[in-house]
Amino acid sequence: MAHLRHLAYQSPSVRPPAATMARLARVDPGWSPDVLGDFSLRMGSHGLSVSSTMMQRDPLYALEQLQHAHNLPDDDLRALAHVLARRFEQAREAVAELN
């Protein structure tokens, strides 16, 4: 997950460059609704509300949530975050190959 940290949204002043944003906008990780639902519920058990819609439509939001999950003391949640992050990275690489 550390390799995704630089892409996580922190504030408008540290958003990635426009070219990176454009590439990220084309990434469709194709996450399983079941895995994404489990992730959202697990995050909720830690008091963190996660929007499944935003996870699918806003790559920076998704990366931020994955980073939060990675930092929580929950091995099952970290495993889910790892699965989602790996799929996101595969989708990102596929988009990069098209360019």
Foldseek 3Di string as FASTA:
>chain_A
DVVLVQQADDDPVSHDDPVVQVLLQPQALPDDPVLLVVLQVVVVVVVDHDDSVCCRGPVNSVSNSLVVQCPDPDPVNVVSSVVSVVSRVVSSVVSVVVD
